[in-house]
PDB file of all heavy atoms in Angstrom:
ATOM      1  N   ASN A   1       1.884   7.692 -18.373  1.00  0.00           N
ATOM      2  CA  ASN A   1       1.749   7.189 -19.732  1.00  0.00           C
ATOM      3  C   ASN A   1       1.789   8.302 -20.780  1.00  0.00           C
ATOM      4  O   ASN A   1       1.045   8.299 -21.747  1.00  0.00           O
ATOM      5  CB  ASN A   1       0.487   6.359 -19.898  1.00  0.00           C
ATOM      6  CG  ASN A   1       0.515   5.084 -19.081  1.00  0.00           C
ATOM      7  OD1 ASN A   1       1.524   4.386 -19.042  1.00  0.00           O
ATOM      8  ND2 ASN A   1      -0.566   4.809 -18.376  1.00  0.00           N
ATOM      9  N   GLY A   2       2.642   9.297 -20.517  1.00  0.00           N
ATOM     10  CA  GLY A   2       2.830  10.383 -21.477  1.00  0.00           C
ATOM     11  C   GLY A   2       1.814  11.500 -21.381  1.00  0.00           C
ATOM     12  O   GLY A   2       1.897  12.455 -22.144  1.00  0.00           O
ATOM     13  N   GLU A   3       0.878  11.399 -20.462  1.00  0.00           N
ATOM     14  CA  GLU A   3      -0.116  12.478 -20.316  1.00  0.00           C
ATOM     15  C   GLU A   3       0.576  13.782 -19.913  1.00  0.00           C
ATOM     16  O   GLU A   3       0.212  14.860 -20.375  1.00  0.00           O
ATOM     17  CB  GLU A   3      -1.163  12.118 -19.270  1.00  0.00           C
ATOM     18  CG  GLU A   3      -2.217  13.171 -19.134  1.00  0.00           C
ATOM     19  CD  GLU A   3      -3.326  12.793 -18.178  1.00  0.00           C
ATOM     20  OE1 GLU A   3      -3.327  11.674 -17.644  1.00  0.00           O
ATOM     21  OE2 GLU A   3      -4.211  13.649 -17.974  1.00  0.00           O
ATOM     22  N   PHE A   4       1.585  13.671 -19.049  1.00  0.00           N
ATOM     23  CA  PHE A   4       2.415  14.811 -18.669  1.00  0.00           C
ATOM     24  C   PHE A   4       3.806  14.554 -19.185  1.00  0.00           C
ATOM     25  O   PHE A   4       4.582  13.796 -18.591  1.00  0.00           O
ATOM     26  CB  PHE A   4       2.460  14.989 -17.142  1.00  0.00           C
ATOM     27  CG  PHE A   4       1.173  15.468 -16.569  1.00  0.00           C
ATOM     28  CD1 PHE A   4       0.227  14.568 -16.107  1.00  0.00           C
ATOM     29  CD2 PHE A   4       0.905  16.816 -16.465  1.00  0.00           C
ATOM     30  CE1 PHE A   4      -0.967  15.005 -15.571  1.00  0.00           C
ATOM     31  CE2 PHE A   4      -0.278  17.273 -15.922  1.00  0.00           C
ATOM     32  CZ  PHE A   4      -1.226  16.365 -15.477  1.00  0.00           C
ATOM     33  N   THR A   5       4.127  15.143 -20.331  1.00  0.00           N
ATOM     34  CA  THR A   5       5.470  14.953 -20.877  1.00  0.00           C
ATOM     35  C   THR A   5       6.468  15.721 -20.013  1.00  0.00           C
ATOM     36  O   THR A   5       6.092  16.659 -19.297  1.00  0.00           O
ATOM     37  CB  THR A   5       5.582  15.455 -22.318  1.00  0.00           C
ATOM     38  OG1 THR A   5       5.357  16.874 -22.329  1.00  0.00           O
ATOM     39  CG2 THR A   5       4.572  14.745 -23.233  1.00  0.00           C
ATOM     40  N   LYS A   6       7.722  15.306 -20.078  1.00  0.00           N
ATOM     41  CA  LYS A   6       8.744  16.031 -19.295  1.00  0.00           C
ATOM     42  C   LYS A   6       8.838  17.471 -19.745  1.00  0.00           C
ATOM     43  O   LYS A   6       9.078  18.372 -18.930  1.00  0.00           O
ATOM     44  CB  LYS A   6      10.077  15.306 -19.347  1.00  0.00           C
ATOM     45  CG  LYS A   6      10.696  15.218 -20.710  1.00  0.00           C
ATOM     46  CD  LYS A   6      11.987  14.435 -20.666  1.00  0.00           C
ATOM     47  CE  LYS A   6      12.590  14.363 -22.055  1.00  0.00           C
ATOM     48  NZ  LYS A   6      13.802  13.595 -22.087  1.00  0.00           N
ATOM     49  N   GLU A   7       8.614  17.736 -21.018  1.00  0.00           N
ATOM     50  CA  GLU A   7       8.649  19.092 -21.529  1.00  0.00           C
ATOM     51  C   GLU A   7       7.514  19.931 -20.938  1.00  0.00           C
ATOM     52  O   GLU A   7       7.728  21.085 -20.524  1.00  0.00           O
ATOM     53  CB  GLU A   7       8.583  19.104 -23.059  1.00  0.00           C
ATOM     54  CG  GLU A   7       9.777  18.533 -23.756  1.00  0.00           C
ATOM     55  CD  GLU A   7       9.781  17.010 -23.845  1.00  0.00           C
ATOM     56  OE1 GLU A   7       8.742  16.374 -23.538  1.00  0.00           O
ATOM     57  OE2 GLU A   7      10.826  16.444 -24.202  1.00  0.00           O
ATOM     58  N   ALA A   8       6.317  19.382 -20.905  1.00  0.00           N
ATOM     59  CA  ALA A   8       5.170  20.111 -20.364  1.00  0.00           C
ATOM     60  C   ALA A   8       5.339  20.362 -18.866  1.00  0.00           C
ATOM     61  O   ALA A   8       5.167  21.487 -18.392  1.00  0.00           O
ATOM     62  CB  ALA A   8       3.871  19.354 -20.625  1.00  0.00           C
ATOM     63  N   GLU A   9       5.692  19.314 -18.150  1.00  0.00           N
ATOM     64  CA  GLU A   9       5.873  19.436 -16.707  1.00  0.00           C
ATOM     65  C   GLU A   9       6.993  20.439 -16.393  1.00  0.00           C
ATOM     66  O   GLU A   9       6.857  21.287 -15.508  1.00  0.00           O
ATOM     67  CB  GLU A   9       6.196  18.080 -16.102  1.00  0.00           C
ATOM     68  CG  GLU A   9       6.388  18.072 -14.617  1.00  0.00           C
ATOM     69  CD  GLU A   9       5.147  18.367 -13.820  1.00  0.00           C
ATOM     70  OE1 GLU A   9       4.037  18.330 -14.363  1.00  0.00           O
ATOM     71  OE2 GLU A   9       5.301  18.648 -12.632  1.00  0.00           O
ATOM     72  N   GLY A  10       8.078  20.373 -17.122  1.00  0.00           N
ATOM     73  CA  GLY A  10       9.166  21.311 -16.931  1.00  0.00           C
ATOM     74  C   GLY A  10       8.746  22.732 -17.232  1.00  0.00           C
ATOM     75  O   GLY A  10       9.144  23.682 -16.558  1.00  0.00           O
ATOM     76  N   SER A  11       7.899  22.895 -18.249  1.00  0.00           N
ATOM     77  CA  SER A  11       7.390  24.235 -18.587  1.00  0.00           C
ATOM     78  C   SER A  11       6.526  24.810 -17.484  1.00  0.00           C
ATOM     79  O   SER A  11       6.584  25.995 -17.191  1.00  0.00           O
ATOM     80  CB  SER A  11       6.582  24.177 -19.893  1.00  0.00           C
ATOM     81  OG  SER A  11       7.429  23.909 -20.979  1.00  0.00           O
ATOM     82  N   TYR A  12       5.705  23.943 -16.848  1.00  0.00           N
ATOM     83  CA  TYR A  12       4.912  24.406 -15.701  1.00  0.00           C
ATOM     84  C   TYR A  12       5.859  24.884 -14.592  1.00  0.00           C
ATOM     85  O   TYR A  12       5.680  25.948 -14.023  1.00  0.00           O
ATOM     86  CB  TYR A  12       4.021  23.312 -15.143  1.00  0.00           C
ATOM     87  CG  TYR A  12       2.981  22.782 -16.090  1.00  0.00           C
ATOM     88  CD1 TYR A  12       2.693  21.427 -16.126  1.00  0.00           C
ATOM     89  CD2 TYR A  12       2.261  23.603 -16.942  1.00  0.00           C
ATOM     90  CE1 TYR A  12       1.740  20.901 -16.971  1.00  0.00           C
ATOM     91  CE2 TYR A  12       1.309  23.111 -17.805  1.00  0.00           C
ATOM     92  CZ  TYR A  12       1.042  21.740 -17.814  1.00  0.00           C
ATOM     93  OH  TYR A  12       0.081  21.236 -18.647  1.00  0.00           O
ATOM     94  N   GLU A  13       6.843  24.059 -14.293  1.00  0.00           N
ATOM     95  CA  GLU A  13       7.747  24.339 -13.188  1.00  0.00           C
ATOM     96  C   GLU A  13       8.628  25.565 -13.447  1.00  0.00           C
ATOM     97  O   GLU A  13       9.047  26.235 -12.508  1.00  0.00           O
ATOM     98  CB  GLU A  13       8.614  23.129 -12.871  1.00  0.00           C
ATOM     99  CG  GLU A  13       7.801  21.981 -12.301  1.00  0.00           C
ATOM    100  CD  GLU A  13       8.645  20.768 -11.968  1.00  0.00           C
ATOM    101  OE1 GLU A  13       9.888  20.796 -12.142  1.00  0.00           O
ATOM    102  OE2 GLU A  13       8.049  19.759 -11.542  1.00  0.00           O
ATOM    103  N   ARG A  14       8.926  25.856 -14.687  1.00  0.00           N
ATOM    104  CA  ARG A  14       9.748  27.025 -15.021  1.00  0.00           C
ATOM    105  C   ARG A  14       8.886  28.263 -15.290  1.00  0.00           C
ATOM    106  O   ARG A  14       9.404  29.310 -15.679  1.00  0.00           O
ATOM    107  CB  ARG A  14      10.613  26.742 -16.256  1.00  0.00           C
ATOM    108  CG  ARG A  14      11.764  25.802 -15.955  1.00  0.00           C
ATOM    109  CD  ARG A  14      12.681  25.669 -17.146  1.00  0.00           C
ATOM    110  NE  ARG A  14      12.015  25.277 -18.383  1.00  0.00           N
ATOM    111  CZ  ARG A  14      11.690  24.033 -18.715  1.00  0.00           C
ATOM    112  NH1 ARG A  14      11.965  23.044 -17.901  1.00  0.00           N
ATOM    113  NH2 ARG A  14      11.079  23.784 -19.851  1.00  0.00           N
ATOM    114  N   ASN A  15       7.573  28.133 -15.080  1.00  0.00           N
ATOM    115  CA  ASN A  15       6.661  29.247 -15.265  1.00  0.00           C
ATOM    116  C   ASN A  15       6.633  29.722 -16.716  1.00  0.00           C
ATOM    117  O   ASN A  15       6.525  30.913 -16.986  1.00  0.00           O
ATOM    118  CB  ASN A  15       7.021  30.388 -14.314  1.00  0.00           C
ATOM    119  CG  ASN A  15       5.954  31.461 -14.275  1.00  0.00           C
ATOM    120  OD1 ASN A  15       4.804  31.208 -14.571  1.00  0.00           O
ATOM    121  ND2 ASN A  15       6.340  32.667 -13.938  1.00  0.00           N
ATOM    122  N   ARG A  16       6.712  28.808 -17.635  1.00  0.00           N
ATOM    123  CA  ARG A  16       6.653  29.153 -19.052  1.00  0.00           C
ATOM    124  C   ARG A  16       5.324  28.706 -19.668  1.00  0.00           C
ATOM    125  O   ARG A  16       5.067  28.997 -20.831  1.00  0.00           O
ATOM    126  CB  ARG A  16       7.811  28.498 -19.793  1.00  0.00           C
ATOM    127  CG  ARG A  16       9.162  28.892 -19.296  1.00  0.00           C
ATOM    128  CD  ARG A  16      10.149  28.986 -20.417  1.00  0.00           C
ATOM    129  NE  ARG A  16      11.519  29.208 -19.983  1.00  0.00           N
ATOM    130  CZ  ARG A  16      12.026  30.343 -19.567  1.00  0.00           C
ATOM    131  NH1 ARG A  16      11.264  31.391 -19.475  1.00  0.00           N
ATOM    132  NH2 ARG A  16      13.287  30.439 -19.220  1.00  0.00           N
ATOM    133  N   ARG A  17       4.541  28.023 -18.891  1.00  0.00           N
ATOM    134  CA  ARG A  17       3.267  27.504 -19.391  1.00  0.00           C
ATOM    135  C   ARG A  17       2.277  27.450 -18.222  1.00  0.00           C
ATOM    136  O   ARG A  17       2.633  27.056 -17.114  1.00  0.00           O
ATOM    137  CB  ARG A  17       3.512  26.087 -19.928  1.00  0.00           C
ATOM    138  CG  ARG A  17       2.360  25.432 -20.567  1.00  0.00           C
ATOM    139  CD  ARG A  17       2.825  24.107 -21.169  1.00  0.00           C
ATOM    140  NE  ARG A  17       1.735  23.433 -21.820  1.00  0.00           N
ATOM    141  CZ  ARG A  17       1.860  22.302 -22.464  1.00  0.00           C
ATOM    142  NH1 ARG A  17       3.040  21.685 -22.490  1.00  0.00           N
ATOM    143  NH2 ARG A  17       0.837  21.743 -23.056  1.00  0.00           N
ATOM    144  N   ASN A  18       1.042  27.882 -18.482  1.00  0.00           N
ATOM    145  CA  ASN A  18       0.002  27.819 -17.469  1.00  0.00           C
ATOM    146  C   ASN A  18      -0.533  26.387 -17.338  1.00  0.00           C
ATOM    147  O   ASN A  18      -0.601  25.668 -18.323  1.00  0.00           O
ATOM    148  CB  ASN A  18      -1.155  28.733 -17.838  1.00  0.00           C
ATOM    149  CG  ASN A  18      -0.790  30.195 -17.787  1.00  0.00           C
ATOM    150  OD1 ASN A  18       0.130  30.574 -17.086  1.00  0.00           O
ATOM    151  ND2 ASN A  18      -1.486  31.008 -18.554  1.00  0.00           N
ATOM    152  N   ILE A  19      -0.934  26.052 -16.147  1.00  0.00           N
ATOM    153  CA  ILE A  19      -1.546  24.746 -15.914  1.00  0.00           C
ATOM    154  C   ILE A  19      -3.013  24.957 -15.592  1.00  0.00           C
ATOM    155  O   ILE A  19      -3.361  25.884 -14.863  1.00  0.00           O
ATOM    156  CB  ILE A  19      -0.819  23.983 -14.774  1.00  0.00           C
ATOM    157  CG1 ILE A  19      -1.326  22.551 -14.675  1.00  0.00           C
ATOM    158  CG2 ILE A  19      -0.935  24.715 -13.455  1.00  0.00           C
ATOM    159  CD1 ILE A  19      -0.483  21.665 -13.785  1.00  0.00           C
ATOM    160  N   THR A  20      -3.861  24.131 -16.178  1.00  0.00           N
ATOM    161  CA  THR A  20      -5.303  24.229 -15.906  1.00  0.00           C
ATOM    162  C   THR A  20      -5.602  23.549 -14.576  1.00  0.00           C
ATOM    163  O   THR A  20      -4.805  22.739 -14.076  1.00  0.00           O
ATOM    164  CB  THR A  20      -6.145  23.553 -17.006  1.00  0.00           C
ATOM    165  OG1 THR A  20      -5.833  22.161 -17.016  1.00  0.00           O
ATOM    166  CG2 THR A  20      -5.855  24.172 -18.374  1.00  0.00           C
ATOM    167  N   LEU A  21      -6.733  23.888 -14.027  1.00  0.00           N
ATOM    168  CA  LEU A  21      -7.146  23.262 -12.756  1.00  0.00           C
ATOM    169  C   LEU A  21      -7.253  21.759 -12.901  1.00  0.00           C
ATOM    170  O   LEU A  21      -6.824  21.002 -12.024  1.00  0.00           O
ATOM    171  CB  LEU A  21      -8.452  23.873 -12.261  1.00  0.00           C
ATOM    172  CG  LEU A  21      -8.991  23.317 -10.959  1.00  0.00           C
ATOM    173  CD1 LEU A  21      -7.971  23.488  -9.827  1.00  0.00           C
ATOM    174  CD2 LEU A  21     -10.315  23.979 -10.613  1.00  0.00           C
ATOM    175  N   SER A  22      -7.828  21.295 -14.009  1.00  0.00           N
ATOM    176  CA  SER A  22      -8.006  19.849 -14.170  1.00  0.00           C
ATOM    177  C   SER A  22      -6.650  19.144 -14.236  1.00  0.00           C
ATOM    178  O   SER A  22      -6.477  18.052 -13.657  1.00  0.00           O
ATOM    179  CB  SER A  22      -8.854  19.532 -15.415  1.00  0.00           C
ATOM    180  OG  SER A  22      -8.203  19.968 -16.581  1.00  0.00           O
ATOM    181  N   ARG A  23      -5.674  19.746 -14.901  1.00  0.00           N
ATOM    182  CA  ARG A  23      -4.337  19.120 -14.952  1.00  0.00           C
ATOM    183  C   ARG A  23      -3.638  19.215 -13.586  1.00  0.00           C
ATOM    184  O   ARG A  23      -2.926  18.301 -13.187  1.00  0.00           O
ATOM    185  CB  ARG A  23      -3.509  19.756 -16.055  1.00  0.00           C
ATOM    186  CG  ARG A  23      -4.055  19.291 -17.423  1.00  0.00           C
ATOM    187  CD  ARG A  23      -3.262  19.659 -18.596  1.00  0.00           C
ATOM    188  NE  ARG A  23      -1.910  19.164 -18.697  1.00  0.00           N
ATOM    189  CZ  ARG A  23      -1.562  17.941 -19.103  1.00  0.00           C
ATOM    190  NH1 ARG A  23      -2.484  17.064 -19.416  1.00  0.00           N
ATOM    191  NH2 ARG A  23      -0.292  17.614 -19.209  1.00  0.00           N
ATOM    192  N   LEU A  24      -3.850  20.314 -12.872  1.00  0.00           N
ATOM    193  CA  LEU A  24      -3.307  20.448 -11.539  1.00  0.00           C
ATOM    194  C   LEU A  24      -3.864  19.345 -10.624  1.00  0.00           C
ATOM    195  O   LEU A  24      -3.103  18.693  -9.891  1.00  0.00           O
ATOM    196  CB  LEU A  24      -3.661  21.821 -10.976  1.00  0.00           C
ATOM    197  CG  LEU A  24      -3.255  22.118  -9.536  1.00  0.00           C
ATOM    198  CD1 LEU A  24      -1.753  22.034  -9.351  1.00  0.00           C
ATOM    199  CD2 LEU A  24      -3.776  23.481  -9.113  1.00  0.00           C
ATOM    200  N   LEU A  25      -5.138  19.075 -10.720  1.00  0.00           N
ATOM    201  CA  LEU A  25      -5.765  18.027  -9.928  1.00  0.00           C
ATOM    202  C   LEU A  25      -5.196  16.641 -10.307  1.00  0.00           C
ATOM    203  O   LEU A  25      -4.995  15.810  -9.437  1.00  0.00           O
ATOM    204  CB  LEU A  25      -7.271  18.054 -10.079  1.00  0.00           C
ATOM    205  CG  LEU A  25      -7.953  19.251  -9.400  1.00  0.00           C
ATOM    206  CD1 LEU A  25      -9.425  19.335  -9.837  1.00  0.00           C
ATOM    207  CD2 LEU A  25      -7.851  19.175  -7.903  1.00  0.00           C
ATOM    208  N   LYS A  26      -4.968  16.429 -11.594  1.00  0.00           N
ATOM    209  CA  LYS A  26      -4.376  15.160 -12.030  1.00  0.00           C
ATOM    210  C   LYS A  26      -2.980  14.987 -11.483  1.00  0.00           C
ATOM    211  O   LYS A  26      -2.595  13.894 -11.073  1.00  0.00           O
ATOM    212  CB  LYS A  26      -4.387  15.058 -13.552  1.00  0.00           C
ATOM    213  CG  LYS A  26      -5.752  14.814 -14.129  1.00  0.00           C
ATOM    214  CD  LYS A  26      -5.707  14.733 -15.645  1.00  0.00           C
ATOM    215  CE  LYS A  26      -7.113  14.598 -16.194  1.00  0.00           C
ATOM    216  NZ  LYS A  26      -7.096  14.517 -17.663  1.00  0.00           N
ATOM    217  N   LEU A  27      -2.207  16.068 -11.476  1.00  0.00           N
ATOM    218  CA  LEU A  27      -0.866  15.979 -10.902  1.00  0.00           C
ATOM    219  C   LEU A  27      -0.922  15.671  -9.413  1.00  0.00           C
ATOM    220  O   LEU A  27      -0.106  14.910  -8.893  1.00  0.00           O
ATOM    221  CB  LEU A  27      -0.087  17.284 -11.123  1.00  0.00           C
ATOM    222  CG  LEU A  27       0.734  17.355 -12.385  1.00  0.00           C
ATOM    223  CD1 LEU A  27       1.492  18.682 -12.448  1.00  0.00           C
ATOM    224  CD2 LEU A  27       1.730  16.215 -12.507  1.00  0.00           C
ATOM    225  N   CYS A  28      -1.877  16.245  -8.727  1.00  0.00           N
ATOM    226  CA  CYS A  28      -2.051  15.936  -7.306  1.00  0.00           C
ATOM    227  C   CYS A  28      -2.318  14.448  -7.136  1.00  0.00           C
ATOM    228  O   CYS A  28      -1.787  13.811  -6.211  1.00  0.00           O
ATOM    229  CB  CYS A  28      -3.177  16.759  -6.711  1.00  0.00           C
ATOM    230  SG  CYS A  28      -2.750  18.500  -6.472  1.00  0.00           S
ATOM    231  N   ASP A  29      -3.122  13.862  -7.999  1.00  0.00           N
ATOM    232  CA  ASP A  29      -3.376  12.423  -7.954  1.00  0.00           C
ATOM    233  C   ASP A  29      -2.095  11.633  -8.187  1.00  0.00           C
ATOM    234  O   ASP A  29      -1.829  10.663  -7.488  1.00  0.00           O
ATOM    235  CB  ASP A  29      -4.419  12.019  -8.996  1.00  0.00           C
ATOM    236  CG  ASP A  29      -5.828  12.430  -8.623  1.00  0.00           C
ATOM    237  OD1 ASP A  29      -6.075  12.765  -7.463  1.00  0.00           O
ATOM    238  OD2 ASP A  29      -6.679  12.438  -9.536  1.00  0.00           O
ATOM    239  N   VAL A  30      -1.298  12.060  -9.163  1.00  0.00           N
ATOM    240  CA  VAL A  30      -0.044  11.396  -9.463  1.00  0.00           C
ATOM    241  C   VAL A  30       0.870  11.425  -8.239  1.00  0.00           C
ATOM    242  O   VAL A  30       1.521  10.432  -7.902  1.00  0.00           O
ATOM    243  CB  VAL A  30       0.650  12.045 -10.688  1.00  0.00           C
ATOM    244  CG1 VAL A  30       2.072  11.536 -10.856  1.00  0.00           C
ATOM    245  CG2 VAL A  30      -0.156  11.791 -11.948  1.00  0.00           C
ATOM    246  N   TYR A  31       0.924  12.571  -7.575  1.00  0.00           N
ATOM    247  CA  TYR A  31       1.816  12.743  -6.435  1.00  0.00           C
ATOM    248  C   TYR A  31       1.197  12.252  -5.121  1.00  0.00           C
ATOM    249  O   TYR A  31       1.806  12.325  -4.077  1.00  0.00           O
ATOM    250  CB  TYR A  31       2.223  14.214  -6.288  1.00  0.00           C
ATOM    251  CG  TYR A  31       2.981  14.772  -7.456  1.00  0.00           C
ATOM    252  CD1 TYR A  31       2.957  16.127  -7.715  1.00  0.00           C
ATOM    253  CD2 TYR A  31       3.721  13.967  -8.305  1.00  0.00           C
ATOM    254  CE1 TYR A  31       3.677  16.667  -8.778  1.00  0.00           C
ATOM    255  CE2 TYR A  31       4.425  14.501  -9.371  1.00  0.00           C
ATOM    256  CZ  TYR A  31       4.404  15.851  -9.589  1.00  0.00           C
ATOM    257  OH  TYR A  31       5.094  16.382 -10.649  1.00  0.00           O
ATOM    258  N   VAL A  32      -0.055  11.795  -5.227  1.00  0.00           N
ATOM    259  CA  VAL A  32      -0.806  11.300  -4.062  1.00  0.00           C
ATOM    260  C   VAL A  32      -0.817  12.349  -2.944  1.00  0.00           C
ATOM    261  O   VAL A  32      -0.406  12.118  -1.822  1.00  0.00           O
ATOM    262  CB  VAL A  32      -0.257   9.951  -3.548  1.00  0.00           C
ATOM    263  CG1 VAL A  32      -1.212   9.337  -2.550  1.00  0.00           C
ATOM    264  CG2 VAL A  32       0.003   8.980  -4.692  1.00  0.00           C
ATOM    265  N   VAL A  33      -1.291  13.513  -3.323  1.00  0.00           N
ATOM    266  CA  VAL A  33      -1.405  14.618  -2.375  1.00  0.00           C
ATOM    267  C   VAL A  33      -2.700  15.379  -2.707  1.00  0.00           C
ATOM    268  O   VAL A  33      -3.088  15.452  -3.878  1.00  0.00           O
ATOM    269  CB  VAL A  33      -0.163  15.545  -2.470  1.00  0.00           C
ATOM    270  CG1 VAL A  33      -0.056  16.208  -3.820  1.00  0.00           C
ATOM    271  CG2 VAL A  33      -0.147  16.571  -1.364  1.00  0.00           C
ATOM    272  N   SER A  34      -3.348  15.893  -1.692  1.00  0.00           N
ATOM    273  CA  SER A  34      -4.595  16.618  -1.953  1.00  0.00           C
ATOM    274  C   SER A  34      -4.296  18.037  -2.425  1.00  0.00           C
ATOM    275  O   SER A  34      -3.260  18.623  -2.090  1.00  0.00           O
ATOM    276  CB  SER A  34      -5.466  16.669  -0.691  1.00  0.00           C
ATOM    277  OG  SER A  34      -4.885  17.557   0.257  1.00  0.00           O
ATOM    278  N   ILE A  35      -5.224  18.572  -3.170  1.00  0.00           N
ATOM    279  CA  ILE A  35      -5.092  19.974  -3.624  1.00  0.00           C
ATOM    280  C   ILE A  35      -5.073  20.894  -2.415  1.00  0.00           C
ATOM    281  O   ILE A  35      -4.369  21.908  -2.412  1.00  0.00           O
ATOM    282  CB  ILE A  35      -6.202  20.355  -4.645  1.00  0.00           C
ATOM    283  CG1 ILE A  35      -5.957  21.724  -5.256  1.00  0.00           C
ATOM    284  CG2 ILE A  35      -7.570  20.320  -4.000  1.00  0.00           C
ATOM    285  CD1 ILE A  35      -4.806  21.777  -6.193  1.00  0.00           C
ATOM    286  N   ASP A  36      -5.800  20.535  -1.372  1.00  0.00           N
ATOM    287  CA  ASP A  36      -5.811  21.320  -0.135  1.00  0.00           C
ATOM    288  C   ASP A  36      -4.409  21.438   0.437  1.00  0.00           C
ATOM    289  O   ASP A  36      -3.983  22.520   0.837  1.00  0.00           O
ATOM    290  CB  ASP A  36      -6.730  20.726   0.914  1.00  0.00           C
ATOM    291  CG  ASP A  36      -8.186  20.692   0.507  1.00  0.00           C
ATOM    292  OD1 ASP A  36      -8.538  21.352  -0.484  1.00  0.00           O
ATOM    293  OD2 ASP A  36      -8.967  20.016   1.170  1.00  0.00           O
ATOM    294  N   THR A  37      -3.700  20.320   0.457  1.00  0.00           N
ATOM    295  CA  THR A  37      -2.334  20.313   0.986  1.00  0.00           C
ATOM    296  C   THR A  37      -1.433  21.226   0.157  1.00  0.00           C
ATOM    297  O   THR A  37      -0.636  21.982   0.721  1.00  0.00           O
ATOM    298  CB  THR A  37      -1.771  18.879   0.994  1.00  0.00           C
ATOM    299  OG1 THR A  37      -2.613  18.077   1.828  1.00  0.00           O
ATOM    300  CG2 THR A  37      -0.348  18.831   1.496  1.00  0.00           C
ATOM    301  N   VAL A  38      -1.579  21.163  -1.141  1.00  0.00           N
ATOM    302  CA  VAL A  38      -0.769  21.995  -2.036  1.00  0.00           C
ATOM    303  C   VAL A  38      -1.058  23.480  -1.769  1.00  0.00           C
ATOM    304  O   VAL A  38      -0.125  24.275  -1.625  1.00  0.00           O
ATOM    305  CB  VAL A  38      -1.016  21.643  -3.510  1.00  0.00           C
ATOM    306  CG1 VAL A  38      -0.323  22.633  -4.441  1.00  0.00           C
ATOM    307  CG2 VAL A  38      -0.587  20.219  -3.806  1.00  0.00           C
ATOM    308  N   ILE A  39      -2.308  23.822  -1.685  1.00  0.00           N
ATOM    309  CA  ILE A  39      -2.682  25.234  -1.492  1.00  0.00           C
ATOM    310  C   ILE A  39      -2.247  25.730  -0.115  1.00  0.00           C
ATOM    311  O   ILE A  39      -1.658  26.820  -0.005  1.00  0.00           O
ATOM    312  CB  ILE A  39      -4.201  25.432  -1.701  1.00  0.00           C
ATOM    313  CG1 ILE A  39      -4.529  25.202  -3.180  1.00  0.00           C
ATOM    314  CG2 ILE A  39      -4.632  26.808  -1.244  1.00  0.00           C
ATOM    315  CD1 ILE A  39      -6.014  25.131  -3.478  1.00  0.00           C
ATOM    316  N   ILE A  40      -2.465  24.922   0.899  1.00  0.00           N
ATOM    317  CA  ILE A  40      -2.043  25.335   2.252  1.00  0.00           C
ATOM    318  C   ILE A  40      -0.538  25.500   2.323  1.00  0.00           C
ATOM    319  O   ILE A  40      -0.050  26.501   2.865  1.00  0.00           O
ATOM    320  CB  ILE A  40      -2.563  24.319   3.298  1.00  0.00           C
ATOM    321  CG1 ILE A  40      -4.078  24.468   3.435  1.00  0.00           C
ATOM    322  CG2 ILE A  40      -1.870  24.535   4.652  1.00  0.00           C
ATOM    323  CD1 ILE A  40      -4.734  23.326   4.219  1.00  0.00           C
ATOM    324  N   HIS A  41       0.200  24.580   1.765  1.00  0.00           N
ATOM    325  CA  HIS A  41       1.659  24.684   1.771  1.00  0.00           C
ATOM    326  C   HIS A  41       2.113  25.929   1.011  1.00  0.00           C
ATOM    327  O   HIS A  41       3.048  26.610   1.399  1.00  0.00           O
ATOM    328  CB  HIS A  41       2.303  23.424   1.175  1.00  0.00           C
ATOM    329  CG  HIS A  41       3.786  23.417   1.270  1.00  0.00           C
ATOM    330  ND1 HIS A  41       4.592  24.058   0.361  1.00  0.00           N
ATOM    331  CD2 HIS A  41       4.619  22.894   2.193  1.00  0.00           C
ATOM    332  CE1 HIS A  41       5.857  23.908   0.705  1.00  0.00           C
ATOM    333  NE2 HIS A  41       5.901  23.208   1.812  1.00  0.00           N
TER     334      HIS A  41
END
């Protein structure tokens, strides 16, 4: 619902913008993956 705009998400992925832990956790929820899985991978 616009919480993660395509511009913001793209900026994270292109390493042009830092992501906070709380937003990282929200993205994990969106992707239905645990933060543990992300870190281990």
